[in-house]
Amino acid sequence: MSDHPRVRVLEPDELRASTDLFRAALHILPLDDDGWRRGGSRHVPGRTLGAFEEPAAGEDPELVGTAMSFPCRTAVPGGAGLDTAAVSLVAVRPDRTRRGHLSALMRAQLADVASRGEVLATLRASETGIYGRFGYGIATRGRQVRIRAGATLRADAPSGGSVRLIPLDRARTVLPELHERAALRRPGGMTRFEGWWPMFLEGHRPATEFRAMAVHTGPDGDDGWAVWSVDSGDHADGDTVRVLDLHAGNPVASADLWRFLLGMDLTARVTGRLRPLDEDLSLLLTDPREFHVEDVADETWLRLVDVPAALAARTWGDAAPVVLGVHDRLLPANDGAFRIGPDGPKPVEDVTAPDLECDVDALAMAYLGDRRPSELVAAGWWRAHDDAAVARADALFATADVPWCGTFF
């Protein structure tokens, strides 16, 4: 059998095998028939790739790796929503790793995304050492938080709406409509394609897992929601409310939803994973020490597939221009220099020494506003040829809102 990888789009009857391969690579059992019925909706026709090894004579090619994407839009500073490929189900069979299959899949996928005119690609990384070499950089981060159940909010904390539970059949309609309005409110936010919802609400969880949903209503109608599960602890430790999805359109909706979750009976704590860096719940609590940040982790890994279009789409701060050199070994059309000022980027020809330069993965780290150029220069991600340009770049890349996505896929 040859190790030379061959990549092609998978046919519909091959998609379940690709999902099983992915789950096995993550040490998860295959989906049963009911699980596949509920969870197979994530595949968008024509967007799942398979890597095959050439077989011995008379045998069929063998699927050894897979990667897929679905279309969405991502909010960038200034409010524009850019066409994006959301990448998922990336895996190589454990007995076929380190033979070039992953590189072949990622290169083929980038070429496909570029041909579709999608400006960005985004993913959630199972391991941090994989995707930088394909041009992805950490563009948003989130916090793991924990609050004691029963913790009270200050008397003068925002309030004024109402929270109601909704059943699963209503959630299938109500939550997608709410998220469509909320998705692009801040840099990093992304839309969710239709097949995301059945996967999230019912697709990949045990049938015995408790899951509940609530919607917040304010003066102008529904403006926030929360989805959570409950992990059962022992008698002494108590149950944990695990927040899976919480978005609020204003401070009142946010405070009311957290007040509701903290007030549920028969629970010991409330946790949230990858919550926004600027969501400081200690400011709401009567006792701020009941709010704990347990970890800060990477959320969005972003890939600028079309650098000129991505730079042109976002807004920029008020500072004198800088010339930024960008290097992209996988998509050479992105190689170049750009004079970036308040009025946007302009290509610069024949630049021998730009003010600053970076690889495309490091550009992604600053693009949405999560990291300042000065941080990236200090850490060696960016290279400065004009020290005075660093502060100007900080002002140009600065954003009013902390970027955050809030969607796992």
Protein backbone atom coordinates (compact mmCIF):
# COMPACT_ATOMS: atom_id res chain seq x y z
CA MET A 1 0.00 0.00 0.00
CA SER A 2 1.34 3.43 -0.96
CA ASP A 3 1.67 6.19 1.64
CA HIS A 4 1.13 8.83 -1.03
CA PRO A 5 -2.15 10.53 -0.06
CA ARG A 6 -5.01 11.12 -2.47
CA VAL A 7 -7.68 13.61 -1.40
CA ARG A 8 -11.18 13.92 -2.84
CA VAL A 9 -14.67 15.04 -1.88
CA LEU A 10 -16.58 12.24 -0.13
CA GLU A 11 -19.86 10.90 -1.44
CA PRO A 12 -22.96 10.97 0.81
CA ASP A 13 -22.70 7.24 1.56
CA GLU A 14 -19.12 7.76 2.83
CA LEU A 15 -19.91 10.47 5.39
CA ARG A 16 -20.77 8.15 8.26
CA ALA A 17 -17.45 6.34 7.85
CA SER A 18 -15.63 9.67 7.98
CA THR A 19 -17.46 10.59 11.20
CA ASP A 20 -16.60 7.23 12.75
CA LEU A 21 -12.94 7.76 11.77
CA PHE A 22 -12.95 11.19 13.44
CA ARG A 23 -14.57 9.89 16.62
CA ALA A 24 -12.12 6.97 16.83
CA ALA A 25 -9.19 9.40 16.52
CA LEU A 26 -10.62 11.21 19.58
CA HIS A 27 -11.12 7.88 21.38
CA ILE A 28 -14.94 8.12 21.15
CA LEU A 29 -17.24 5.24 20.20
CA PRO A 30 -19.02 5.41 16.82
CA LEU A 31 -22.50 6.89 16.64
CA ASP A 32 -25.35 4.40 16.73
CA ASP A 33 -28.12 4.65 14.14
CA ASP A 34 -30.14 7.11 16.21
CA GLY A 35 -27.06 9.21 16.94
CA TRP A 36 -26.20 9.36 13.25
CA ARG A 37 -29.75 10.38 12.41
CA ARG A 38 -29.51 13.27 14.87
CA GLY A 39 -25.85 14.19 14.38
CA GLY A 40 -25.20 13.64 10.70
CA SER A 41 -26.73 17.01 9.86
CA ARG A 42 -23.39 18.78 10.25
CA HIS A 43 -22.21 17.61 6.82
CA VAL A 44 -22.81 20.12 4.02
CA PRO A 45 -22.85 18.55 0.53
CA GLY A 46 -19.52 18.79 -1.25
CA ARG A 47 -17.55 20.05 1.76
CA THR A 48 -16.26 16.84 3.40
CA LEU A 49 -12.88 15.63 2.18
CA GLY A 50 -11.31 12.21 2.55
CA ALA A 51 -7.67 11.15 2.31
CA PHE A 52 -7.10 7.75 0.77
CA GLU A 53 -4.11 5.45 0.45
CA GLU A 54 -3.76 3.57 -2.81
CA PRO A 55 -4.58 -0.10 -2.24
CA ALA A 56 -2.90 -3.24 -3.35
CA ALA A 57 -4.07 -4.62 -6.67
CA GLY A 58 -7.71 -5.65 -6.61
CA GLU A 59 -8.55 -3.82 -3.36
CA ASP A 60 -10.57 -0.62 -2.81
CA PRO A 61 -8.84 2.62 -1.69
CA GLU A 62 -8.79 2.95 2.08
CA LEU A 63 -10.09 6.04 3.91
CA VAL A 64 -7.38 7.15 6.35
CA GLY A 65 -8.19 10.80 7.03
CA THR A 66 -10.96 13.37 6.81
CA ALA A 67 -11.76 17.07 7.13
CA MET A 68 -14.94 19.03 6.55
CA SER A 69 -16.24 22.58 6.72
CA PHE A 70 -19.53 24.41 6.68
CA PRO A 71 -20.25 27.94 5.47
CA CYS A 72 -20.89 30.79 7.89
CA ARG A 73 -20.09 34.46 8.37
CA THR A 74 -17.69 35.97 10.91
CA ALA A 75 -17.98 39.47 12.37
CA VAL A 76 -14.87 41.63 12.05
CA PRO A 77 -14.11 45.02 13.66
CA GLY A 78 -16.50 47.57 12.24
CA GLY A 79 -19.40 45.13 11.94
CA ALA A 80 -18.89 43.51 8.54
CA GLY A 81 -19.68 39.80 8.29
CA LEU A 82 -17.17 37.91 6.13
CA ASP A 83 -17.83 34.63 4.35
CA THR A 84 -16.05 31.95 6.35
CA ALA A 85 -15.36 28.21 6.25
CA ALA A 86 -15.90 26.67 9.69
CA VAL A 87 -13.55 23.68 9.74
CA SER A 88 -14.33 20.56 11.76
CA LEU A 89 -14.00 16.75 11.87
CA VAL A 90 -10.28 16.90 11.07
CA ALA A 91 -8.60 13.57 11.81
CA VAL A 92 -6.16 10.97 10.52
CA ARG A 93 -6.43 7.32 11.49
CA PRO A 94 -3.97 6.61 14.33
CA ASP A 95 -2.07 3.99 12.32
CA ARG A 96 -1.61 6.39 9.40
CA THR A 97 -0.37 9.56 11.11
CA ARG A 98 2.85 11.37 10.14
CA ARG A 99 2.67 10.26 6.53
CA GLY A 100 1.52 13.55 4.98
CA HIS A 101 -2.22 12.86 5.04
CA LEU A 102 -3.11 15.81 7.30
CA SER A 103 -1.01 18.21 5.23
CA ALA A 104 -2.67 16.97 2.05
CA LEU A 105 -6.13 17.41 3.55
CA MET A 106 -5.46 20.91 4.88
CA ARG A 107 -3.86 22.09 1.64
CA ALA A 108 -6.75 20.73 -0.41
CA GLN A 109 -9.26 22.31 1.94
CA LEU A 110 -7.57 25.73 1.80
CA ALA A 111 -7.56 25.58 -1.99
CA ASP A 112 -11.26 24.69 -1.96
CA VAL A 113 -12.12 27.48 0.48
CA ALA A 114 -10.19 30.01 -1.61
CA SER A 115 -11.97 28.86 -4.77
CA ARG A 116 -15.33 29.45 -3.07
CA GLY A 117 -14.38 33.07 -2.35
CA GLU A 118 -14.52 32.58 1.42
CA VAL A 119 -12.26 35.17 3.04
CA LEU A 120 -11.64 33.40 6.35
CA ALA A 121 -11.44 29.89 7.78
CA THR A 122 -11.97 29.11 11.44
CA LEU A 123 -11.67 26.06 13.67
CA ARG A 124 -11.47 24.88 17.27
CA ALA A 125 -8.21 23.03 17.89
CA SER A 126 -8.07 19.77 19.83
CA GLU A 127 -4.28 20.21 20.04
CA THR A 128 -2.44 23.53 19.84
CA GLY A 129 0.59 22.25 17.94
CA ILE A 130 -1.23 21.27 14.76
CA TYR A 131 -2.72 24.22 12.93
CA GLY A 132 -0.17 27.01 13.09
CA ARG A 133 1.77 25.45 10.24
CA PHE A 134 -1.32 25.79 8.06
CA GLY A 135 -1.66 29.51 8.77
CA TYR A 136 -4.15 29.43 11.66
CA GLY A 137 -3.59 31.65 14.69
CA ILE A 138 -5.44 32.11 17.99
CA ALA A 139 -7.80 35.04 17.37
CA THR A 140 -10.16 34.86 20.38
CA ARG A 141 -9.85 33.41 23.87
CA GLY A 142 -12.29 32.51 26.63
CA ARG A 143 -12.40 31.84 30.37
CA GLN A 144 -13.47 28.81 32.36
CA VAL A 145 -15.52 30.23 35.25
CA ARG A 146 -17.15 28.84 38.37
CA ILE A 147 -19.67 30.42 40.75
CA ARG A 148 -21.22 28.99 43.91
CA ALA A 149 -24.87 28.14 43.38
CA GLY A 150 -26.99 30.41 45.53
CA ALA A 151 -24.61 33.34 45.13
CA THR A 152 -26.70 36.50 45.06
CA LEU A 153 -26.46 39.49 42.78
CA ARG A 154 -26.16 42.97 44.26
CA ALA A 155 -29.47 44.75 44.87
CA ASP A 156 -28.54 47.41 42.31
CA ALA A 157 -27.28 44.96 39.65
CA PRO A 158 -29.17 45.23 36.34
CA SER A 159 -32.61 43.60 36.36
CA GLY A 160 -36.03 44.07 34.87
CA GLY A 161 -36.80 41.26 32.43
CA SER A 162 -38.18 37.77 32.79
CA VAL A 163 -36.81 34.28 32.14
CA ARG A 164 -38.90 31.36 30.88
CA LEU A 165 -38.03 27.74 30.23
CA ILE A 166 -38.70 26.44 26.72
CA PRO A 167 -39.03 22.80 25.59
CA LEU A 168 -36.84 21.23 22.94
CA ASP A 169 -39.42 21.52 20.18
CA ARG A 170 -39.67 25.30 20.77
CA ALA A 171 -35.91 25.66 21.10
CA ARG A 172 -35.43 24.30 17.59
CA THR A 173 -37.22 27.39 16.27
CA VAL A 174 -36.66 30.11 18.88
CA LEU A 175 -32.92 29.77 19.47
CA PRO A 176 -31.80 29.90 15.81
CA GLU A 177 -33.89 33.05 15.32
CA LEU A 178 -32.38 34.68 18.41
CA HIS A 179 -28.83 33.73 17.47
CA GLU A 180 -29.21 35.07 13.94
CA ARG A 181 -29.87 38.50 15.47
CA ALA A 182 -27.02 38.21 17.98
CA ALA A 183 -24.33 36.44 15.96
CA LEU A 184 -22.44 39.41 14.54
CA ARG A 185 -22.74 41.87 17.42
CA ARG A 186 -19.06 41.74 18.34
CA PRO A 187 -15.82 40.85 16.49
CA GLY A 188 -15.35 37.10 16.31
CA GLY A 189 -19.04 36.24 16.39
CA MET A 190 -20.18 33.74 13.78
CA THR A 191 -23.46 32.64 12.27
CA ARG A 192 -24.59 29.05 12.76
CA PHE A 193 -25.67 27.05 9.76
CA GLU A 194 -28.94 25.15 9.90
CA GLY A 195 -27.36 21.76 10.58
CA TRP A 196 -25.49 23.08 13.65
CA TRP A 197 -28.62 23.24 15.78
CA PRO A 198 -29.79 19.61 15.76
CA MET A 199 -26.17 18.58 16.33
CA PHE A 200 -25.96 20.87 19.39
CA LEU A 201 -29.42 20.39 20.85
CA GLU A 202 -29.72 16.64 20.40
CA GLY A 203 -27.03 15.17 18.19
CA HIS A 204 -23.94 14.14 20.18
CA ARG A 205 -25.06 13.78 23.75
CA PRO A 206 -26.16 10.68 25.64
CA ALA A 207 -29.92 10.18 25.66
CA THR A 208 -29.76 10.23 29.45
CA GLU A 209 -28.09 13.66 29.72
CA PHE A 210 -30.30 16.35 31.18
CA ARG A 211 -30.36 19.49 29.06
CA ALA A 212 -32.53 22.58 29.50
CA MET A 213 -33.08 25.88 27.74
CA ALA A 214 -34.36 29.28 28.84
CA VAL A 215 -35.08 32.56 27.06
CA HIS A 216 -34.90 36.08 28.48
CA THR A 217 -37.51 38.67 27.54
CA GLY A 218 -36.98 42.41 27.96
CA PRO A 219 -39.03 45.50 27.04
CA ASP A 220 -38.37 44.95 23.33
CA GLY A 221 -38.96 41.21 23.27
CA ASP A 222 -36.70 38.17 23.54
CA ASP A 223 -33.07 39.29 23.87
CA GLY A 224 -31.04 36.43 25.37
CA TRP A 225 -30.94 32.72 26.10
CA ALA A 226 -29.10 30.02 28.00
CA VAL A 227 -28.66 26.29 27.44
CA TRP A 228 -27.25 24.11 30.21
CA SER A 229 -26.80 20.56 31.42
CA VAL A 230 -26.42 19.21 34.94
CA ASP A 231 -23.58 16.96 36.05
CA SER A 232 -24.56 14.86 39.03
CA GLY A 233 -22.12 14.80 41.92
CA ASP A 234 -22.12 12.71 45.07
CA HIS A 235 -24.22 13.62 48.09
CA ALA A 236 -21.46 15.74 49.63
CA ASP A 237 -20.23 17.44 46.46
CA GLY A 238 -23.57 18.32 44.88
CA ASP A 239 -24.66 18.84 41.27
CA THR A 240 -23.02 21.20 38.79
CA VAL A 241 -24.96 23.38 36.36
CA ARG A 242 -22.78 23.46 33.23
CA VAL A 243 -23.58 26.42 30.98
CA LEU A 244 -23.22 25.32 27.35
CA ASP A 245 -24.51 28.38 25.50
CA LEU A 246 -25.38 31.82 26.88
CA HIS A 247 -25.78 34.97 24.81
CA ALA A 248 -27.34 38.22 25.96
CA GLY A 249 -28.12 41.31 23.96
CA ASN A 250 -27.74 43.76 26.87
CA PRO A 251 -26.59 43.94 30.53
CA VAL A 252 -30.09 43.32 31.90
CA ALA A 253 -30.51 40.10 29.92
CA SER A 254 -27.06 38.89 30.98
CA ALA A 255 -27.64 39.62 34.68
CA ASP A 256 -31.13 38.08 34.69
CA LEU A 257 -29.94 34.87 33.02
CA TRP A 258 -27.06 34.41 35.47
CA ARG A 259 -29.39 35.27 38.38
CA PHE A 260 -31.76 32.54 37.20
CA LEU A 261 -29.00 29.94 36.82
CA LEU A 262 -27.50 30.71 40.24
CA GLY A 263 -30.91 30.48 41.89
CA MET A 264 -31.79 26.93 40.83
CA ASP A 265 -32.43 24.54 43.71
CA LEU A 266 -30.52 21.31 44.38
CA THR A 267 -27.27 22.49 42.78
CA ALA A 268 -23.87 23.32 44.24
CA ARG A 269 -22.14 25.37 41.53
CA VAL A 270 -22.53 26.91 38.09
CA THR A 271 -19.71 26.68 35.54
CA GLY A 272 -19.17 28.16 32.11
CA ARG A 273 -16.55 27.24 29.53
CA LEU A 274 -14.90 29.73 27.17
CA ARG A 275 -16.88 32.69 28.44
CA PRO A 276 -15.89 36.18 27.14
CA LEU A 277 -12.77 37.74 28.63
CA ASP A 278 -14.75 40.90 29.44
CA GLU A 279 -17.64 39.10 31.21
CA ASP A 280 -16.63 39.88 34.81
CA LEU A 281 -19.41 38.41 36.89
CA SER A 282 -17.67 39.40 40.13
CA LEU A 283 -18.99 42.93 39.49
CA LEU A 284 -22.56 41.63 39.76
CA LEU A 285 -22.21 39.56 42.92
CA THR A 286 -22.81 40.58 46.51
CA ASP A 287 -19.65 38.63 47.36
CA PRO A 288 -17.20 38.96 44.42
CA ARG A 289 -15.06 36.13 45.80
CA GLU A 290 -17.75 33.64 44.84
CA PHE A 291 -16.74 34.13 41.20
CA HIS A 292 -13.65 32.16 40.14
CA VAL A 293 -11.73 32.20 36.87
CA GLU A 294 -10.19 28.74 36.65
CA ASP A 295 -8.52 28.97 33.25
CA VAL A 296 -8.05 31.09 30.13
CA ALA A 297 -7.87 29.08 26.89
CA ASP A 298 -7.84 29.48 23.14
CA GLU A 299 -11.26 29.69 21.47
CA THR A 300 -11.16 30.75 17.79
CA TRP A 301 -8.30 29.67 15.53
CA LEU A 302 -8.54 31.92 12.49
CA ARG A 303 -7.02 31.66 9.03
CA LEU A 304 -6.98 34.66 6.67
CA VAL A 305 -7.58 32.95 3.32
CA ASP A 306 -7.75 36.22 1.37
CA VAL A 307 -5.51 38.69 3.22
CA PRO A 308 -6.23 41.77 1.04
CA ALA A 309 -10.00 41.25 1.33
CA ALA A 310 -9.81 40.61 5.09
CA LEU A 311 -7.76 43.74 5.72
CA ALA A 312 -10.10 45.83 3.55
CA ALA A 313 -13.22 44.58 5.34
CA ARG A 314 -12.43 45.71 8.89
CA THR A 315 -12.19 49.22 10.26
CA TRP A 316 -9.00 50.75 11.64
CA GLY A 317 -8.04 53.10 14.44
CA ASP A 318 -6.77 56.66 14.20
CA ALA A 319 -2.98 56.71 13.73
CA ALA A 320 -0.39 57.42 11.10
CA PRO A 321 -0.08 54.54 8.62
CA VAL A 322 2.30 51.61 8.95
CA VAL A 323 3.62 49.33 6.23
CA LEU A 324 3.02 45.69 7.16
CA GLY A 325 4.67 42.83 5.30
CA VAL A 326 2.72 39.54 5.30
CA HIS A 327 4.12 36.09 4.46
CA ASP A 328 2.01 33.05 3.52
CA ARG A 329 3.85 29.95 2.31
CA LEU A 330 0.67 27.99 1.52
CA LEU A 331 -1.27 30.71 -0.32
CA PRO A 332 1.36 32.82 -2.10
CA ALA A 333 -1.27 35.27 -3.40
CA ASN A 334 -1.36 36.63 0.16
CA ASP A 335 2.36 37.48 0.20
CA GLY A 336 2.87 41.23 0.04
CA ALA A 337 3.09 44.52 1.85
CA PHE A 338 0.19 46.78 2.83
CA ARG A 339 0.16 50.40 3.94
CA ILE A 340 -2.49 50.34 6.67
CA GLY A 341 -4.04 53.61 7.85
CA PRO A 342 -7.37 54.85 9.17
CA ASP A 343 -8.80 54.72 5.63
CA GLY A 344 -7.85 51.06 5.18
CA PRO A 345 -5.06 49.08 3.53
CA LYS A 346 -3.35 49.85 0.23
CA PRO A 347 -0.95 47.40 -1.48
CA VAL A 348 2.66 48.56 -1.63
CA GLU A 349 4.96 47.36 -4.38
CA ASP A 350 8.72 46.84 -4.16
CA VAL A 351 9.08 47.26 -0.40
CA THR A 352 12.49 46.11 0.79
CA ALA A 353 11.97 46.86 4.47
CA PRO A 354 8.39 47.22 5.78
CA ASP A 355 7.85 48.85 9.16
CA LEU A 356 6.55 45.54 10.54
CA GLU A 357 6.23 42.04 9.15
CA CYS A 358 4.65 38.75 10.20
CA ASP A 359 3.43 35.40 8.96
CA VAL A 360 -0.25 34.96 8.25
CA ASP A 361 -0.92 32.99 11.46
CA ALA A 362 0.49 35.84 13.55
CA LEU A 363 -1.59 38.37 11.62
CA ALA A 364 -4.71 36.42 12.64
CA MET A 365 -3.79 36.90 16.30
CA ALA A 366 -4.20 40.68 15.97
CA TYR A 367 -6.82 40.83 13.25
CA LEU A 368 -9.93 40.73 15.48
CA GLY A 369 -8.29 42.72 18.29
CA ASP A 370 -7.44 39.94 20.75
CA ARG A 371 -3.70 40.72 20.80
CA ARG A 372 -1.92 44.05 20.36
CA PRO A 373 0.88 44.21 17.78
CA SER A 374 3.25 45.36 20.54
CA GLU A 375 2.59 42.10 22.45
CA LEU A 376 3.30 40.09 19.33
CA VAL A 377 6.50 42.02 18.59
CA ALA A 378 7.70 41.52 22.17
CA ALA A 379 7.03 37.77 21.92
CA GLY A 380 8.70 37.39 18.53
CA TRP A 381 5.53 36.67 16.51
CA TRP A 382 5.93 39.95 14.61
CA ARG A 383 9.20 41.60 13.56
CA ALA A 384 9.65 45.37 13.86
CA HIS A 385 12.03 47.24 11.57
CA ASP A 386 10.82 50.64 12.79
CA ASP A 387 10.27 50.77 16.55
CA ALA A 388 8.11 53.89 16.23
CA ALA A 389 5.65 51.94 14.07
CA VAL A 390 4.73 49.56 16.90
CA ALA A 391 2.66 52.06 18.87
CA ARG A 392 0.97 53.23 15.67
CA ALA A 393 0.07 49.63 14.85
CA ASP A 394 -1.44 49.21 18.33
CA ALA A 395 -3.71 52.20 17.71
CA LEU A 396 -4.67 51.02 14.22
CA PHE A 397 -5.54 47.45 15.26
CA ALA A 398 -7.33 48.49 18.48
CA THR A 399 -11.02 47.56 18.84
CA ALA A 400 -13.69 48.87 21.20
CA ASP A 401 -15.03 45.36 21.95
CA VAL A 402 -13.17 42.30 23.16
CA PRO A 403 -13.53 39.68 20.42
CA TRP A 404 -15.42 36.48 21.25
CA CYS A 405 -17.27 33.87 19.26
CA GLY A 406 -19.33 31.76 21.66
CA THR A 407 -19.97 28.93 19.19
CA PHE A 408 -18.31 25.53 19.44
CA PHE A 409 -18.38 23.14 16.49
